[in-house]
């Protein structure tokens, strides 16, 4: 879509990954090139960009979990192109796509800077989301030993119930990319590499006791800096994070447009990521 000479609204492609990484690194975000490629593979229609004179200027992604829920992420604009309304244009395009496909609910995790724009586009606040971080010890204490119950599919079913929508395709991809998923009694914990720190999540667990076992087992490799995005309303997750020497470093606001879709926050011990839900 050409709006004026040299400016194009189009889909992201694999060739854009290096330039997209520049945008996320400029913002100090933790995504890797593999994260960008995963989004393009899972949602090729929903990965949008604005190009100016051949340069990637802004991005936005829309990842759909069936027709029940879609998630907006990677709303980034290169510093030299900010103030031109590119984020609004990309969001408008993404939300139009969601409306055309009759998506019931759209959510995102907003920074303080982005929240006013999202409110103008029909989003309302739902709850807080926080990033907690822990510095690596510099000493390797071993690798996580997989725990798998007798019915591995239970962890996908548990996620569906807790999250409120089917994101099994995303979970399968994350499970392939990170260390082996730890699964116990239908509860699970996943981890994956990040640009600046290892990422813990998503994790859905039936009890604080099970969550502690899985998360502690996941974190046995203590030499790495680690990031953990959690819902502060889950007191069990907050308590475990504090006990394991994590401290809050970022505060965002989860926002929703369309129908309310409530998750089982007490079962969600780690989200999949600000761009994934």
Protein backbone atom coordinates (compact mmCIF):
# COMPACT_ATOMS: atom_id res chain seq x y z
CA UNK A 1 0.00 0.00 0.00
CA UNK A 2 1.67 3.23 -1.19
CA UNK A 3 0.58 6.35 0.74
CA UNK A 4 3.05 8.81 -0.71
CA UNK A 5 6.26 8.70 -2.67
CA UNK A 6 8.76 6.42 -0.98
CA UNK A 7 6.41 5.23 1.80
CA UNK A 8 4.94 1.73 1.66
CA UNK A 9 2.74 -0.20 4.11
CA UNK A 10 3.42 -3.91 3.53
CA UNK A 11 3.95 -7.28 5.18
CA UNK A 12 7.18 -8.16 6.91
CA UNK A 13 9.28 -10.85 5.24
CA UNK A 14 12.26 -12.96 6.19
CA UNK A 15 14.52 -10.44 4.48
CA UNK A 16 13.40 -7.84 7.05
CA UNK A 17 14.71 -9.76 10.08
CA UNK A 18 18.06 -7.90 10.39
CA UNK A 19 16.34 -4.51 10.11
CA UNK A 20 13.59 -5.61 12.52
CA UNK A 21 16.27 -6.66 14.99
CA UNK A 22 17.72 -3.15 14.77
CA UNK A 23 14.34 -1.74 15.84
CA UNK A 24 13.90 -4.06 18.81
CA UNK A 25 17.53 -3.60 19.90
CA UNK A 26 17.12 0.17 19.65
CA UNK A 27 14.19 -0.14 22.08
CA UNK A 28 16.21 -2.39 24.41
CA UNK A 29 13.85 -5.33 23.93
CA UNK A 30 14.88 -8.93 24.48
CA UNK A 31 13.63 -10.56 21.25
CA UNK A 32 16.02 -12.55 19.07
CA UNK A 33 16.05 -12.98 15.31
CA UNK A 34 14.38 -16.35 15.89
CA UNK A 35 11.53 -14.59 17.70
CA UNK A 36 10.94 -12.34 14.70
CA UNK A 37 11.02 -15.30 12.32
CA UNK A 38 8.60 -17.23 14.53
CA UNK A 39 6.06 -14.41 14.40
CA UNK A 40 6.35 -14.22 10.61
CA UNK A 41 5.87 -17.99 10.35
CA UNK A 42 2.89 -18.10 12.72
CA UNK A 43 1.16 -14.96 11.44
CA UNK A 44 2.44 -14.02 7.97
CA UNK A 45 -0.63 -11.87 7.23
CA UNK A 46 -0.43 -10.08 10.57
CA UNK A 47 3.23 -9.02 10.53
CA UNK A 48 3.12 -5.48 9.15
CA UNK A 49 5.71 -2.87 8.30
CA UNK A 50 6.10 0.64 6.99
CA UNK A 51 9.03 1.13 4.66
CA UNK A 52 10.36 4.60 3.80
CA UNK A 53 12.69 4.93 0.83
CA UNK A 54 13.67 1.28 1.17
CA UNK A 55 14.30 1.47 4.94
CA UNK A 56 12.24 -0.38 7.57
CA UNK A 57 10.71 2.42 9.64
CA UNK A 58 8.03 0.77 11.82
CA UNK A 59 6.46 -2.59 12.65
CA UNK A 60 3.39 -4.10 14.30
CA UNK A 61 2.31 -7.74 14.63
CA UNK A 62 -1.10 -9.37 15.09
CA UNK A 63 -1.06 -13.00 16.25
CA UNK A 64 -4.47 -14.71 16.18
CA UNK A 65 -5.45 -17.55 18.51
CA UNK A 66 -8.41 -18.79 16.51
CA UNK A 67 -11.23 -16.26 16.31
CA UNK A 68 -11.53 -15.85 20.04
CA UNK A 69 -8.42 -13.77 20.67
CA UNK A 70 -5.69 -11.87 18.84
CA UNK A 71 -2.56 -10.32 20.32
CA UNK A 72 -0.88 -7.11 19.17
CA UNK A 73 2.87 -6.86 19.59
CA UNK A 74 6.16 -5.49 18.29
CA UNK A 75 4.81 -1.95 17.95
CA UNK A 76 8.11 -0.30 17.10
CA UNK A 77 9.17 2.81 15.24
CA UNK A 78 12.74 3.73 14.41
CA UNK A 79 13.79 6.83 16.34
CA UNK A 80 14.40 8.86 13.20
CA UNK A 81 10.82 8.23 12.02
CA UNK A 82 8.90 8.82 15.25
CA UNK A 83 6.15 11.42 15.35
CA UNK A 84 4.86 10.65 11.84
CA UNK A 85 1.89 8.52 12.93
CA UNK A 86 3.33 5.25 11.66
CA UNK A 87 2.34 3.28 14.78
CA UNK A 88 -1.25 4.48 14.48
CA UNK A 89 -1.39 3.52 10.80
CA UNK A 90 -0.07 0.04 11.44
CA UNK A 91 -2.40 -0.48 14.41
CA UNK A 92 -5.34 0.67 12.34
CA UNK A 93 -4.43 -1.88 9.67
CA UNK A 94 -3.97 -4.66 12.23
CA UNK A 95 -7.29 -3.93 13.95
CA UNK A 96 -9.08 -3.81 10.61
CA UNK A 97 -7.73 -7.28 9.89
CA UNK A 98 -9.01 -8.49 13.27
CA UNK A 99 -12.44 -6.98 12.60
CA UNK A 100 -12.68 -8.49 9.12
CA UNK A 101 -12.01 -11.95 10.51
CA UNK A 102 -14.49 -11.44 13.39
CA UNK A 103 -11.92 -11.72 16.19
CA UNK A 104 -13.87 -11.34 19.43
CA UNK A 105 -11.11 -9.90 21.63
CA UNK A 106 -7.82 -8.13 20.94
CA UNK A 107 -5.25 -7.66 23.69
CA UNK A 108 -1.81 -6.12 24.10
CA UNK A 109 0.67 -5.21 26.82
CA UNK A 110 1.24 -1.45 26.77
CA UNK A 111 4.12 0.69 27.95
CA UNK A 112 3.33 4.04 29.55
CA UNK A 113 4.31 5.72 26.27
CA UNK A 114 1.98 3.58 24.17
CA UNK A 115 -1.04 3.54 26.44
CA UNK A 116 -2.57 6.89 25.33
CA UNK A 117 -2.52 5.79 21.68
CA UNK A 118 -4.14 2.46 22.49
CA UNK A 119 -6.87 4.16 24.52
CA UNK A 120 -7.69 6.38 21.52
CA UNK A 121 -8.01 3.22 19.41
CA UNK A 122 -10.59 1.62 21.68
CA UNK A 123 -8.46 -0.32 24.17
CA UNK A 124 -9.20 -0.26 27.90
CA UNK A 125 -7.06 -1.28 30.84
CA UNK A 126 -7.38 -4.83 32.14
CA UNK A 127 -4.54 -5.51 34.59
CA UNK A 128 -0.88 -4.89 35.33
CA UNK A 129 1.93 -7.01 33.90
CA UNK A 130 5.47 -6.91 35.26
CA UNK A 131 8.90 -8.02 34.14
CA UNK A 132 11.08 -9.41 36.92
CA UNK A 133 14.79 -9.99 36.33
CA UNK A 134 17.67 -11.78 38.00
CA UNK A 135 21.37 -11.43 37.25
CA UNK A 136 23.31 -14.57 36.50
CA UNK A 137 25.65 -15.92 39.16
CA UNK A 138 28.52 -16.56 36.79
CA UNK A 139 28.55 -20.19 37.89
CA UNK A 140 26.86 -23.05 36.05
CA UNK A 141 24.99 -25.33 38.44
CA UNK A 142 23.82 -27.78 35.79
CA UNK A 143 21.11 -28.08 33.18
CA UNK A 144 17.43 -28.56 33.78
CA UNK A 145 16.36 -32.21 33.98
CA UNK A 146 13.13 -32.78 32.04
CA UNK A 147 10.08 -33.78 34.06
CA UNK A 148 7.35 -35.35 31.93
CA UNK A 149 4.10 -36.81 33.20
CA UNK A 150 2.30 -39.81 31.68
CA UNK A 151 -0.04 -37.62 29.60
CA UNK A 152 2.12 -34.88 28.02
CA UNK A 153 -0.85 -33.42 26.14
CA UNK A 154 -2.29 -32.34 29.50
CA UNK A 155 -0.01 -29.30 29.59
CA UNK A 156 -1.53 -27.94 26.37
CA UNK A 157 -5.05 -28.51 27.70
CA UNK A 158 -4.15 -26.78 30.96
CA UNK A 159 -2.81 -23.80 29.04
CA UNK A 160 -6.03 -23.51 27.00
CA UNK A 161 -8.13 -23.47 30.16
CA UNK A 162 -5.94 -20.92 31.93
CA UNK A 163 -5.19 -18.60 29.00
CA UNK A 164 -8.74 -18.64 27.61
CA UNK A 165 -7.84 -19.46 23.99
CA UNK A 166 -6.05 -22.18 22.06
CA UNK A 167 -2.42 -21.25 21.45
CA UNK A 168 -1.13 -24.79 20.98
CA UNK A 169 0.65 -23.88 17.74
CA UNK A 170 2.65 -21.21 19.55
CA UNK A 171 3.44 -23.56 22.43
CA UNK A 172 4.71 -26.23 20.04
CA UNK A 173 7.02 -23.72 18.41
CA UNK A 174 8.31 -22.41 21.75
CA UNK A 175 8.86 -25.96 22.99
CA UNK A 176 11.01 -26.69 19.92
CA UNK A 177 13.06 -23.54 20.33
CA UNK A 178 13.88 -23.58 24.03
CA UNK A 179 15.08 -26.26 26.41
CA UNK A 180 12.84 -29.31 26.82
CA UNK A 181 9.51 -28.35 28.44
CA UNK A 182 9.16 -29.37 32.07
CA UNK A 183 5.76 -30.98 32.61
CA UNK A 184 4.28 -32.38 35.80
CA UNK A 185 0.68 -33.36 36.54
CA UNK A 186 -0.61 -31.25 33.66
CA UNK A 187 1.42 -28.19 34.75
CA UNK A 188 4.33 -26.93 32.63
CA UNK A 189 7.15 -24.42 32.32
CA UNK A 190 8.97 -23.36 29.14
CA UNK A 191 12.09 -21.26 28.66
CA UNK A 192 13.96 -19.90 25.63
CA UNK A 193 16.97 -17.76 24.74
CA UNK A 194 16.68 -13.98 24.63
CA UNK A 195 18.77 -11.20 23.11
CA UNK A 196 19.96 -9.88 26.48
CA UNK A 197 18.77 -12.48 28.99
CA UNK A 198 17.28 -15.96 29.12
CA UNK A 199 13.46 -15.88 29.17
CA UNK A 200 11.32 -17.89 31.60
CA UNK A 201 7.80 -18.57 30.36
CA UNK A 202 5.15 -19.35 29.58
CA UNK A 203 4.20 -21.41 32.62
CA UNK A 204 0.80 -22.66 33.77
CA UNK A 205 0.60 -24.60 37.02
CA UNK A 206 -2.17 -26.01 39.21
CA UNK A 207 -0.54 -25.01 42.51
CA UNK A 208 2.28 -22.86 43.92
CA UNK A 209 4.06 -26.03 45.07
CA UNK A 210 4.15 -27.49 41.54
CA UNK A 211 5.13 -24.11 40.09
CA UNK A 212 8.06 -23.82 42.48
CA UNK A 213 9.34 -27.30 41.59
CA UNK A 214 9.19 -26.63 37.84
CA UNK A 215 10.61 -23.11 37.98
CA UNK A 216 13.46 -24.06 40.30
CA UNK A 217 14.31 -27.00 38.03
CA UNK A 218 14.22 -24.68 35.01
CA UNK A 219 16.63 -22.26 36.67
CA UNK A 220 19.32 -24.78 37.58
CA UNK A 221 21.64 -23.18 35.03
CA UNK A 222 22.42 -20.16 37.20
CA UNK A 223 25.09 -18.48 35.07
CA UNK A 224 22.55 -16.68 32.86
CA UNK A 225 20.71 -13.41 33.40
CA UNK A 226 17.00 -14.23 33.35
CA UNK A 227 13.76 -12.35 32.60
CA UNK A 228 10.34 -13.45 33.88
CA UNK A 229 7.11 -11.70 32.89
CA UNK A 230 4.32 -12.32 35.39
CA UNK A 231 0.90 -11.11 36.51
CA UNK A 232 1.30 -9.41 39.91
CA UNK A 233 -2.21 -10.54 40.90
CA UNK A 234 -0.77 -14.06 41.13
CA UNK A 235 0.60 -13.89 44.67
CA UNK A 236 2.20 -17.33 44.31
CA UNK A 237 4.24 -16.25 41.29
CA UNK A 238 5.36 -13.07 43.05
CA UNK A 239 6.41 -15.02 46.15
CA UNK A 240 8.43 -17.54 44.13
CA UNK A 241 10.09 -14.75 42.12
CA UNK A 242 11.14 -12.95 45.30
CA UNK A 243 12.41 -16.15 46.91
CA UNK A 244 14.54 -16.83 43.82
CA UNK A 245 16.11 -13.33 43.95
CA UNK A 246 14.13 -11.81 41.06
CA UNK A 247 13.19 -8.13 41.30
CA UNK A 248 10.66 -6.10 39.25
CA UNK A 249 12.23 -4.04 36.45
CA UNK A 250 9.39 -3.09 34.06
CA UNK A 251 5.71 -2.32 34.56
CA UNK A 252 3.18 -2.54 31.71
CA UNK A 253 -0.59 -2.39 31.42
CA UNK A 254 -2.50 -5.22 29.77
CA UNK A 255 -5.25 -3.73 27.61
CA UNK A 256 -8.25 -5.20 25.83
CA UNK A 257 -10.49 -4.22 22.91
CA UNK A 258 -13.79 -5.99 22.23
CA UNK A 259 -15.24 -8.65 24.52
CA UNK A 260 -13.78 -9.27 27.95
CA UNK A 261 -11.85 -12.53 28.03
CA UNK A 262 -10.75 -13.40 31.53
CA UNK A 263 -7.83 -15.73 32.13
CA UNK A 264 -7.22 -17.87 35.20
CA UNK A 265 -4.50 -15.60 36.57
CA UNK A 266 -3.86 -17.80 39.60
CA UNK A 267 -2.73 -20.60 37.27
CA UNK A 268 -0.53 -18.42 35.04
CA UNK A 269 2.91 -18.25 36.63
CA UNK A 270 4.66 -16.74 33.61
CA UNK A 271 3.29 -15.24 30.42
CA UNK A 272 4.69 -16.12 26.99
CA UNK A 273 5.92 -12.58 26.33
CA UNK A 274 4.59 -9.04 25.95
CA UNK A 275 4.20 -9.65 22.20
CA UNK A 276 2.54 -13.07 22.65
CA UNK A 277 0.30 -12.93 25.71
